[in-house]
Amino acid sequence: MRFGIALLLIAFTAGCASVRAVPTLPEELSVVRDQLVVYSDFKLATRHRLVEELVALRGDIAEQLDVPVSDEPIHIYLFAKAKTYQEYIDKHFPDLPDRRAFFVESDTRLTVYAQWGDRVAEDLRHEVTHGYLHSVIPNTPLWLDEGIAEYFETPRGWNGLHAAHLKLLDTQASKGAWKPDLARLDKLVTIDQMTQRDYAEAWLWLHFLLQTTRERKLLLQHHLSILREKAQAPPFSQAVFHAEPDAAYAVLDHLRMLAAENHVE
């Protein structure tokens, strides 16, 4: 998930205490591939398949969203052990929620931190998507930023299908416990406001826009071009409902179709 963070860290000591070693970044071993600079505290093959997938992801994002590519480096720090990763995060980002990976944007640097675990591919696809997007559109609205990352965190060849989100929304929609509300998503401004269902809905809108009609895809691409050129734009929900007043019903139909095609129960 995305975290834009500006931090001033000041350490105070008093009295007698044993001094623990400060967890450091895994900077000794590095792999440079296009826009990515990957550091690890373990040996990582220069042509590791996951690194290659992340390199290819840049082209996928540029093509699908019709955005340019950037040469701004994205620095990725990989920790082999969960304990080492958590010690570093606790030391330098103590206010963050418990995450296996996260993205940090500062005025001068785009950075991803991640634990090399069972779900590292999904985690890195998500966080590196934030990096690619912010290298060309740093002011992407929160829900759209997360929706794009949720869409592209799925494996290549899946056409953005996110099975967990699909099941969550289908279950809640069938019970009458949820209905799409893009205008509400547009009002979310901080990451702690977003629930798991909000991430799922953000994903659904992206899948709807990118995987249904050419007109919907162009609408998304046009909105992103305005953000890139002018640094701000009216809420995207206004553009969506101006072009398609019944978009909320259409996205529900899209959800039902996906659930039927993928035998969601």
C-alpha atoms as a PDB file:
ATOM      1  CA  MET A   1       0.000   0.000   0.000  1.00  0.00           C
ATOM      2  CA  ARG A   2       1.096   3.551  -0.517  1.00  0.00           C
ATOM      3  CA  PHE A   3       2.630   5.692   2.168  1.00  0.00           C
ATOM      4  CA  GLY A   4       3.891   9.187   1.314  1.00  0.00           C
ATOM      5  CA  ILE A   5       6.171   9.918   4.254  1.00  0.00           C
ATOM      6  CA  ALA A   6       8.318  12.837   5.356  1.00  0.00           C
ATOM      7  CA  LEU A   7      10.099  12.061   8.593  1.00  0.00           C
ATOM      8  CA  LEU A   8      12.447  13.785  11.005  1.00  0.00           C
ATOM      9  CA  LEU A   9      13.972  11.155  13.275  1.00  0.00           C
ATOM     10  CA  ILE A  10      15.626  12.312  16.481  1.00  0.00           C
ATOM     11  CA  ALA A  11      16.995   9.836  19.020  1.00  0.00           C
ATOM     12  CA  PHE A  12      17.457  10.826  22.677  1.00  0.00           C
ATOM     13  CA  THR A  13      19.400   8.770  25.206  1.00  0.00           C
ATOM     14  CA  ALA A  14      19.646   9.212  28.947  1.00  0.00           C
ATOM     15  CA  GLY A  15      21.206   7.275  31.802  1.00  0.00           C
ATOM     16  CA  CYS A  16      22.874   3.928  31.352  1.00  0.00           C
ATOM     17  CA  ALA A  17      21.597   1.501  28.768  1.00  0.00           C
ATOM     18  CA  SER A  18      22.886  -1.209  26.544  1.00  0.00           C
ATOM     19  CA  VAL A  19      23.145  -0.068  22.948  1.00  0.00           C
ATOM     20  CA  ARG A  20      21.646  -2.339  20.307  1.00  0.00           C
ATOM     21  CA  ALA A  21      22.942  -2.334  16.769  1.00  0.00           C
ATOM     22  CA  VAL A  22      20.814  -0.087  14.570  1.00  0.00           C
ATOM     23  CA  PRO A  23      19.193  -2.107  11.776  1.00  0.00           C
ATOM     24  CA  THR A  24      20.715  -1.054   8.497  1.00  0.00           C
ATOM     25  CA  LEU A  25      19.560  -1.157   4.903  1.00  0.00           C
ATOM     26  CA  PRO A  26      20.691  -4.083   2.735  1.00  0.00           C
ATOM     27  CA  GLU A  27      22.874  -1.991   0.424  1.00  0.00           C
ATOM     28  CA  GLU A  28      25.857  -4.259  -0.205  1.00  0.00           C
ATOM     29  CA  LEU A  29      24.318  -6.282  -3.030  1.00  0.00           C
ATOM     30  CA  SER A  30      22.497  -4.464  -5.797  1.00  0.00           C
ATOM     31  CA  VAL A  31      20.943  -5.136  -9.192  1.00  0.00           C
ATOM     32  CA  VAL A  32      20.207  -2.293 -11.625  1.00  0.00           C
ATOM     33  CA  ARG A  33      17.557  -2.924 -14.267  1.00  0.00           C
ATOM     34  CA  ASP A  34      16.230   0.059 -16.198  1.00  0.00           C
ATOM     35  CA  GLN A  35      14.418   2.279 -13.693  1.00  0.00           C
ATOM     36  CA  LEU A  36      14.835  -0.151 -10.797  1.00  0.00           C
ATOM     37  CA  VAL A  37      17.729  -0.242  -8.356  1.00  0.00           C
ATOM     38  CA  VAL A  38      17.289  -3.365  -6.231  1.00  0.00           C
ATOM     39  CA  TYR A  39      19.272  -3.786  -3.007  1.00  0.00           C
ATOM     40  CA  SER A  40      19.178  -6.996  -0.990  1.00  0.00           C
ATOM     41  CA  ASP A  41      20.847  -8.595   2.027  1.00  0.00           C
ATOM     42  CA  PHE A  42      21.047 -11.867   0.088  1.00  0.00           C
ATOM     43  CA  LYS A  43      22.338 -12.872  -3.321  1.00  0.00           C
ATOM     44  CA  LEU A  44      19.776 -11.965  -5.975  1.00  0.00           C
ATOM     45  CA  ALA A  45      20.377 -13.029  -9.571  1.00  0.00           C
ATOM     46  CA  THR A  46      20.760 -10.125 -11.982  1.00  0.00           C
ATOM     47  CA  ARG A  47      18.150 -11.719 -14.241  1.00  0.00           C
ATOM     48  CA  HIS A  48      15.890 -13.028 -11.519  1.00  0.00           C
ATOM     49  CA  ARG A  49      12.447 -13.785 -12.944  1.00  0.00           C
ATOM     50  CA  LEU A  50      10.713 -11.481 -10.471  1.00  0.00           C
ATOM     51  CA  VAL A  51      13.035  -8.608 -11.323  1.00  0.00           C
ATOM     52  CA  GLU A  52      12.345  -9.223 -15.005  1.00  0.00           C
ATOM     53  CA  GLU A  53       8.606  -9.177 -14.320  1.00  0.00           C
ATOM     54  CA  LEU A  54       8.937  -5.856 -12.496  1.00  0.00           C
ATOM     55  CA  VAL A  55      10.903  -4.431 -15.419  1.00  0.00           C
ATOM     56  CA  ALA A  56       8.181  -5.561 -17.830  1.00  0.00           C
ATOM     57  CA  LEU A  57       5.543  -4.073 -15.545  1.00  0.00           C
ATOM     58  CA  ARG A  58       6.689  -0.574 -16.471  1.00  0.00           C
ATOM     59  CA  GLY A  59       5.765  -1.177 -20.104  1.00  0.00           C
ATOM     60  CA  ASP A  60       2.429  -2.739 -19.146  1.00  0.00           C
ATOM     61  CA  ILE A  61       1.503   0.295 -17.051  1.00  0.00           C
ATOM     62  CA  ALA A  62       2.607   2.755 -19.721  1.00  0.00           C
ATOM     63  CA  GLU A  63       0.610   0.950 -22.401  1.00  0.00           C
ATOM     64  CA  GLN A  64      -2.561   0.362 -20.390  1.00  0.00           C
ATOM     65  CA  LEU A  65      -2.708   3.854 -18.877  1.00  0.00           C
ATOM     66  CA  ASP A  66      -1.151   5.692 -21.843  1.00  0.00           C
ATOM     67  CA  VAL A  67       1.429   7.405 -19.641  1.00  0.00           C
ATOM     68  CA  PRO A  68       5.100   7.997 -20.454  1.00  0.00           C
ATOM     69  CA  VAL A  69       7.914   6.107 -18.780  1.00  0.00           C
ATOM     70  CA  SER A  70      10.367   7.875 -16.534  1.00  0.00           C
ATOM     71  CA  ASP A  71      14.061   7.459 -15.858  1.00  0.00           C
ATOM     72  CA  GLU A  72      13.694   8.443 -12.189  1.00  0.00           C
ATOM     73  CA  PRO A  73      15.175   5.594 -10.130  1.00  0.00           C
ATOM     74  CA  ILE A  74      12.958   3.504  -7.902  1.00  0.00           C
ATOM     75  CA  HIS A  75      15.050   2.129  -5.036  1.00  0.00           C
ATOM     76  CA  ILE A  76      13.909  -1.273  -3.756  1.00  0.00           C
ATOM     77  CA  TYR A  77      15.266  -2.701  -0.491  1.00  0.00           C
ATOM     78  CA  LEU A  78      14.728  -6.425   0.078  1.00  0.00           C
ATOM     79  CA  PHE A  79      15.181  -8.149   3.429  1.00  0.00           C
ATOM     80  CA  ALA A  80      15.568 -11.929   3.483  1.00  0.00           C
ATOM     81  CA  LYS A  81      14.332 -12.355   7.057  1.00  0.00           C
ATOM     82  CA  ALA A  82      11.062 -11.068   8.472  1.00  0.00           C
ATOM     83  CA  LYS A  83      12.799 -10.235  11.757  1.00  0.00           C
ATOM     84  CA  THR A  84      15.434  -8.036  10.096  1.00  0.00           C
ATOM     85  CA  TYR A  85      12.799  -6.282   8.012  1.00  0.00           C
ATOM     86  CA  GLN A  86      10.569  -5.625  11.012  1.00  0.00           C
ATOM     87  CA  GLU A  87      13.463  -4.315  13.110  1.00  0.00           C
ATOM     88  CA  TYR A  88      14.344  -1.818  10.411  1.00  0.00           C
ATOM     89  CA  ILE A  89      10.738  -0.688   9.973  1.00  0.00           C
ATOM     90  CA  ASP A  90      10.167  -0.401  13.734  1.00  0.00           C
ATOM     91  CA  LYS A  91      13.300   1.713  14.028  1.00  0.00           C
ATOM     92  CA  HIS A  92      12.751   4.089  11.116  1.00  0.00           C
ATOM     93  CA  PHE A  93       8.983   4.030  10.509  1.00  0.00           C
ATOM     94  CA  PRO A  94       7.449   3.243  13.912  1.00  0.00           C
ATOM     95  CA  ASP A  95       4.032   4.697  13.062  1.00  0.00           C
ATOM     96  CA  LEU A  96       3.384   2.488  10.060  1.00  0.00           C
ATOM     97  CA  PRO A  97       0.823  -0.319  10.281  1.00  0.00           C
ATOM     98  CA  ASP A  98       2.027  -3.884   9.987  1.00  0.00           C
ATOM     99  CA  ARG A  99       2.830  -4.444   6.297  1.00  0.00           C
ATOM    100  CA  ARG A 100       5.003  -6.892   4.381  1.00  0.00           C
ATOM    101  CA  ALA A 101       6.005  -4.076   2.012  1.00  0.00           C
ATOM    102  CA  PHE A 102       5.423  -0.380   1.503  1.00  0.00           C
ATOM    103  CA  PHE A 103       6.213   2.522  -0.796  1.00  0.00           C
ATOM    104  CA  VAL A 104       7.668   5.836   0.362  1.00  0.00           C
ATOM    105  CA  GLU A 105       7.716   9.006  -1.709  1.00  0.00           C
ATOM    106  CA  SER A 106       9.800  11.967  -0.606  1.00  0.00           C
ATOM    107  CA  ASP A 107      10.794  15.169  -2.406  1.00  0.00           C
ATOM    108  CA  THR A 108      13.909  13.494  -3.764  1.00  0.00           C
ATOM    109  CA  ARG A 109      13.434   9.747  -3.784  1.00  0.00           C
ATOM    110  CA  LEU A 110      11.029   6.905  -4.595  1.00  0.00           C
ATOM    111  CA  THR A 111      11.618   3.895  -2.340  1.00  0.00           C
ATOM    112  CA  VAL A 112      10.103   0.466  -1.760  1.00  0.00           C
ATOM    113  CA  TYR A 113      10.857  -1.703   1.273  1.00  0.00           C
ATOM    114  CA  ALA A 114       9.831  -5.360   1.284  1.00  0.00           C
ATOM    115  CA  GLN A 115      10.259  -8.650   3.056  1.00  0.00           C
ATOM    116  CA  TRP A 116      11.275 -11.541   0.778  1.00  0.00           C
ATOM    117  CA  GLY A 117       8.459 -13.911   1.704  1.00  0.00           C
ATOM    118  CA  ASP A 118       5.837 -16.128   0.117  1.00  0.00           C
ATOM    119  CA  ARG A 119       3.870 -13.177  -1.259  1.00  0.00           C
ATOM    120  CA  VAL A 120       6.780 -10.986  -2.281  1.00  0.00           C
ATOM    121  CA  ALA A 121       5.836 -11.056  -5.979  1.00  0.00           C
ATOM    122  CA  GLU A 122       2.363  -9.662  -5.275  1.00  0.00           C
ATOM    123  CA  ASP A 123       3.760  -7.148  -2.791  1.00  0.00           C
ATOM    124  CA  LEU A 124       6.449  -5.874  -5.143  1.00  0.00           C
ATOM    125  CA  ARG A 125       4.138  -5.622  -8.127  1.00  0.00           C
ATOM    126  CA  HIS A 126       1.842  -3.452  -6.004  1.00  0.00           C
ATOM    127  CA  GLU A 127       4.478  -1.192  -4.486  1.00  0.00           C
ATOM    128  CA  VAL A 128       6.584  -0.851  -7.635  1.00  0.00           C
ATOM    129  CA  THR A 129       3.409   0.134  -9.506  1.00  0.00           C
ATOM    130  CA  HIS A 130       3.144   3.038  -7.071  1.00  0.00           C
ATOM    131  CA  GLY A 131       6.735   3.910  -7.908  1.00  0.00           C
ATOM    132  CA  TYR A 132       6.226   3.823 -11.665  1.00  0.00           C
ATOM    133  CA  LEU A 133       3.021   5.853 -11.416  1.00  0.00           C
ATOM    134  CA  HIS A 134       4.442   8.458  -9.045  1.00  0.00           C
ATOM    135  CA  SER A 135       7.504   8.926 -11.217  1.00  0.00           C
ATOM    136  CA  VAL A 136       5.203  10.449 -13.874  1.00  0.00           C
ATOM    137  CA  ILE A 137       2.062  11.476 -11.924  1.00  0.00           C
ATOM    138  CA  PRO A 138       3.050  12.171  -8.300  1.00  0.00           C
ATOM    139  CA  ASN A 139      -0.338  13.674  -7.428  1.00  0.00           C
ATOM    140  CA  THR A 140      -2.588  10.709  -8.278  1.00  0.00           C
ATOM    141  CA  PRO A 141      -5.696  10.712  -6.021  1.00  0.00           C
ATOM    142  CA  LEU A 142      -5.574   8.101  -3.278  1.00  0.00           C
ATOM    143  CA  TRP A 143      -8.282   5.683  -4.422  1.00  0.00           C
ATOM    144  CA  LEU A 144      -7.100   5.817  -8.032  1.00  0.00           C
ATOM    145  CA  ASP A 145      -3.493   5.291  -6.982  1.00  0.00           C
ATOM    146  CA  GLU A 146      -4.481   2.246  -4.936  1.00  0.00           C
ATOM    147  CA  GLY A 147      -6.885   0.922  -7.550  1.00  0.00           C
ATOM    148  CA  ILE A 148      -4.154   0.989 -10.171  1.00  0.00           C
ATOM    149  CA  ALA A 149      -1.727  -0.756  -7.815  1.00  0.00           C
ATOM    150  CA  GLU A 150      -4.328  -3.407  -6.913  1.00  0.00           C
ATOM    151  CA  TYR A 151      -4.991  -4.019 -10.610  1.00  0.00           C
ATOM    152  CA  PHE A 152      -1.323  -4.412 -11.514  1.00  0.00           C
ATOM    153  CA  GLU A 153      -0.380  -6.480  -8.450  1.00  0.00           C
ATOM    154  CA  THR A 154      -2.021  -9.465 -10.143  1.00  0.00           C
ATOM    155  CA  PRO A 155       0.244 -11.752 -12.204  1.00  0.00           C
ATOM    156  CA  ARG A 156       0.892 -10.896 -15.839  1.00  0.00           C
ATOM    157  CA  GLY A 157      -1.598 -12.610 -18.110  1.00  0.00           C
ATOM    158  CA  TRP A 158      -4.464 -12.396 -15.607  1.00  0.00           C
ATOM    159  CA  ASN A 159      -5.830  -9.186 -17.187  1.00  0.00           C
ATOM    160  CA  GLY A 160      -5.998  -7.575 -13.774  1.00  0.00           C
ATOM    161  CA  LEU A 161      -8.346 -10.162 -12.261  1.00  0.00           C
ATOM    162  CA  HIS A 162      -8.066 -10.049  -8.464  1.00  0.00           C
ATOM    163  CA  ALA A 163      -9.833 -13.124  -7.114  1.00  0.00           C
ATOM    164  CA  ALA A 164      -9.882 -12.061  -3.462  1.00  0.00           C
ATOM    165  CA  HIS A 165     -11.408  -8.666  -4.228  1.00  0.00           C
ATOM    166  CA  LEU A 166     -13.906 -10.239  -6.598  1.00  0.00           C
ATOM    167  CA  LYS A 167     -15.110 -12.688  -3.965  1.00  0.00           C
ATOM    168  CA  LEU A 168     -15.338 -10.034  -1.239  1.00  0.00           C
ATOM    169  CA  LEU A 169     -17.434  -7.649  -3.322  1.00  0.00           C
ATOM    170  CA  ASP A 170     -19.628 -10.334  -4.832  1.00  0.00           C
ATOM    171  CA  THR A 171     -20.417 -11.738  -1.392  1.00  0.00           C
ATOM    172  CA  GLN A 172     -21.275  -8.362   0.090  1.00  0.00           C
ATOM    173  CA  ALA A 173     -23.233  -7.174  -2.941  1.00  0.00           C
ATOM    174  CA  SER A 174     -25.324 -10.353  -2.963  1.00  0.00           C
ATOM    175  CA  LYS A 175     -26.243  -9.709   0.697  1.00  0.00           C
ATOM    176  CA  GLY A 176     -27.129  -6.080   0.043  1.00  0.00           C
ATOM    177  CA  ALA A 177     -24.261  -5.004   2.309  1.00  0.00           C
ATOM    178  CA  TRP A 178     -22.404  -3.002  -0.338  1.00  0.00           C
ATOM    179  CA  LYS A 179     -22.937  -1.061  -3.513  1.00  0.00           C
ATOM    180  CA  PRO A 180     -20.396   0.922  -5.546  1.00  0.00           C
ATOM    181  CA  ASP A 181     -19.930   4.576  -4.601  1.00  0.00           C
ATOM    182  CA  LEU A 182     -17.213   6.233  -6.665  1.00  0.00           C
ATOM    183  CA  ALA A 183     -18.002   9.703  -5.345  1.00  0.00           C
ATOM    184  CA  ARG A 184     -17.245   8.471  -1.812  1.00  0.00           C
ATOM    185  CA  LEU A 185     -13.927   6.983  -2.930  1.00  0.00           C
ATOM    186  CA  ASP A 186     -13.034  10.353  -4.445  1.00  0.00           C
ATOM    187  CA  LYS A 187     -13.320  11.924  -0.980  1.00  0.00           C
ATOM    188  CA  LEU A 188     -10.785   9.620   0.690  1.00  0.00           C
ATOM    189  CA  VAL A 189      -7.512  11.443   1.310  1.00  0.00           C
ATOM    190  CA  THR A 190      -5.498   9.351   3.808  1.00  0.00           C
ATOM    191  CA  ILE A 191      -4.532   5.702   3.691  1.00  0.00           C
ATOM    192  CA  ASP A 192      -6.007   4.965   7.112  1.00  0.00           C
ATOM    193  CA  GLN A 193      -9.444   5.914   5.772  1.00  0.00           C
ATOM    194  CA  MET A 194      -9.389   3.008   3.314  1.00  0.00           C
ATOM    195  CA  THR A 195     -10.818  -0.342   4.356  1.00  0.00           C
ATOM    196  CA  GLN A 196     -10.170  -3.634   2.610  1.00  0.00           C
ATOM    197  CA  ARG A 197     -13.492  -3.199   0.846  1.00  0.00           C
ATOM    198  CA  ASP A 198     -12.387   0.224  -0.398  1.00  0.00           C
ATOM    199  CA  TYR A 199      -9.274  -1.351  -1.921  1.00  0.00           C
ATOM    200  CA  ALA A 200     -11.510  -3.962  -3.529  1.00  0.00           C
ATOM    201  CA  GLU A 201     -13.895  -1.358  -4.920  1.00  0.00           C
ATOM    202  CA  ALA A 202     -11.005   0.736  -6.234  1.00  0.00           C
ATOM    203  CA  TRP A 203      -9.736  -2.382  -8.009  1.00  0.00           C
ATOM    204  CA  LEU A 204     -13.196  -3.094  -9.459  1.00  0.00           C
ATOM    205  CA  TRP A 205     -13.524   0.378 -10.960  1.00  0.00           C
ATOM    206  CA  LEU A 206     -10.084   0.036 -12.566  1.00  0.00           C
ATOM    207  CA  HIS A 207     -10.943  -3.364 -13.984  1.00  0.00           C
ATOM    208  CA  PHE A 208     -14.243  -1.992 -15.281  1.00  0.00           C
ATOM    209  CA  LEU A 209     -12.501   0.939 -16.968  1.00  0.00           C
ATOM    210  CA  LEU A 210      -9.612  -1.006 -18.462  1.00  0.00           C
ATOM    211  CA  GLN A 211     -11.281  -4.278 -19.418  1.00  0.00           C
ATOM    212  CA  THR A 212     -14.715  -3.404 -20.828  1.00  0.00           C
ATOM    213  CA  THR A 213     -14.955  -0.725 -23.537  1.00  0.00           C
ATOM    214  CA  ARG A 214     -12.537   1.475 -25.420  1.00  0.00           C
ATOM    215  CA  GLU A 215     -14.496   4.571 -24.360  1.00  0.00           C
ATOM    216  CA  ARG A 216     -14.097   3.799 -20.664  1.00  0.00           C
ATOM    217  CA  LYS A 217     -10.403   3.144 -21.061  1.00  0.00           C
ATOM    218  CA  LEU A 218      -9.946   6.435 -22.907  1.00  0.00           C
ATOM    219  CA  LEU A 219     -11.839   8.241 -20.138  1.00  0.00           C
ATOM    220  CA  LEU A 220      -9.339   6.965 -17.567  1.00  0.00           C
ATOM    221  CA  GLN A 221      -6.367   7.755 -19.774  1.00  0.00           C
ATOM    222  CA  HIS A 222      -7.646  11.294 -20.385  1.00  0.00           C
ATOM    223  CA  HIS A 223      -8.057  11.908 -16.662  1.00  0.00           C
ATOM    224  CA  LEU A 224      -4.508  10.731 -15.993  1.00  0.00           C
ATOM    225  CA  SER A 225      -3.193  12.988 -18.763  1.00  0.00           C
ATOM    226  CA  ILE A 226      -4.877  15.988 -17.115  1.00  0.00           C
ATOM    227  CA  LEU A 227      -3.297  15.096 -13.769  1.00  0.00           C
ATOM    228  CA  ARG A 228       0.096  14.766 -15.412  1.00  0.00           C
ATOM    229  CA  GLU A 229      -0.097  18.031 -17.339  1.00  0.00           C
ATOM    230  CA  LYS A 230      -1.939  20.274 -14.878  1.00  0.00           C
ATOM    231  CA  ALA A 231      -1.127  18.614 -11.513  1.00  0.00           C
ATOM    232  CA  GLN A 232      -4.798  18.606 -10.562  1.00  0.00           C
ATOM    233  CA  ALA A 233      -8.169  17.680 -12.015  1.00  0.00           C
ATOM    234  CA  PRO A 234     -11.830  17.636 -10.972  1.00  0.00           C
ATOM    235  CA  PRO A 235     -12.891  14.480  -9.113  1.00  0.00           C
ATOM    236  CA  PHE A 236     -12.834  11.552 -11.508  1.00  0.00           C
ATOM    237  CA  SER A 237     -16.331  10.503 -10.441  1.00  0.00           C
ATOM    238  CA  GLN A 238     -17.676  13.646 -12.104  1.00  0.00           C
ATOM    239  CA  ALA A 239     -16.148  12.670 -15.433  1.00  0.00           C
ATOM    240  CA  VAL A 240     -17.328   9.076 -15.116  1.00  0.00           C
ATOM    241  CA  PHE A 241     -20.962   9.928 -14.355  1.00  0.00           C
ATOM    242  CA  HIS A 242     -21.050  12.711 -16.930  1.00  0.00           C
ATOM    243  CA  ALA A 243     -20.001  10.212 -19.589  1.00  0.00           C
ATOM    244  CA  GLU A 244     -22.116   7.365 -18.210  1.00  0.00           C
ATOM    245  CA  PRO A 245     -24.834   8.320 -15.693  1.00  0.00           C
ATOM    246  CA  ASP A 246     -25.603   4.656 -14.958  1.00  0.00           C
ATOM    247  CA  ALA A 247     -21.951   3.714 -14.368  1.00  0.00           C
ATOM    248  CA  ALA A 248     -22.656   2.404 -10.857  1.00  0.00           C
ATOM    249  CA  TYR A 249     -25.167  -0.097 -12.245  1.00  0.00           C
ATOM    250  CA  ALA A 250     -22.786  -0.989 -15.066  1.00  0.00           C
ATOM    251  CA  VAL A 251     -19.928  -1.707 -12.652  1.00  0.00           C
ATOM    252  CA  LEU A 252     -22.242  -3.956 -10.618  1.00  0.00           C
ATOM    253  CA  ASP A 253     -23.156  -5.837 -13.791  1.00  0.00           C
ATOM    254  CA  HIS A 254     -19.440  -6.166 -14.506  1.00  0.00           C
ATOM    255  CA  LEU A 255     -18.905  -7.607 -11.030  1.00  0.00           C
ATOM    256  CA  ARG A 256     -21.685 -10.166 -11.520  1.00  0.00           C
ATOM    257  CA  MET A 257     -20.291 -11.154 -14.915  1.00  0.00           C
ATOM    258  CA  LEU A 258     -16.793 -11.664 -13.486  1.00  0.00           C
ATOM    259  CA  ALA A 259     -18.185 -13.687 -10.589  1.00  0.00           C
ATOM    260  CA  ALA A 260     -20.142 -15.922 -12.960  1.00  0.00           C
ATOM    261  CA  GLU A 261     -17.228 -16.417 -15.346  1.00  0.00           C
ATOM    262  CA  ASN A 262     -14.865 -17.304 -12.494  1.00  0.00           C
ATOM    263  CA  HIS A 263     -17.364 -19.475 -10.576  1.00  0.00           C
ATOM    264  CA  VAL A 264     -17.267 -17.372  -7.422  1.00  0.00           C
ATOM    265  CA  GLU A 265     -19.386 -18.896  -4.657  1.00  0.00           C
END
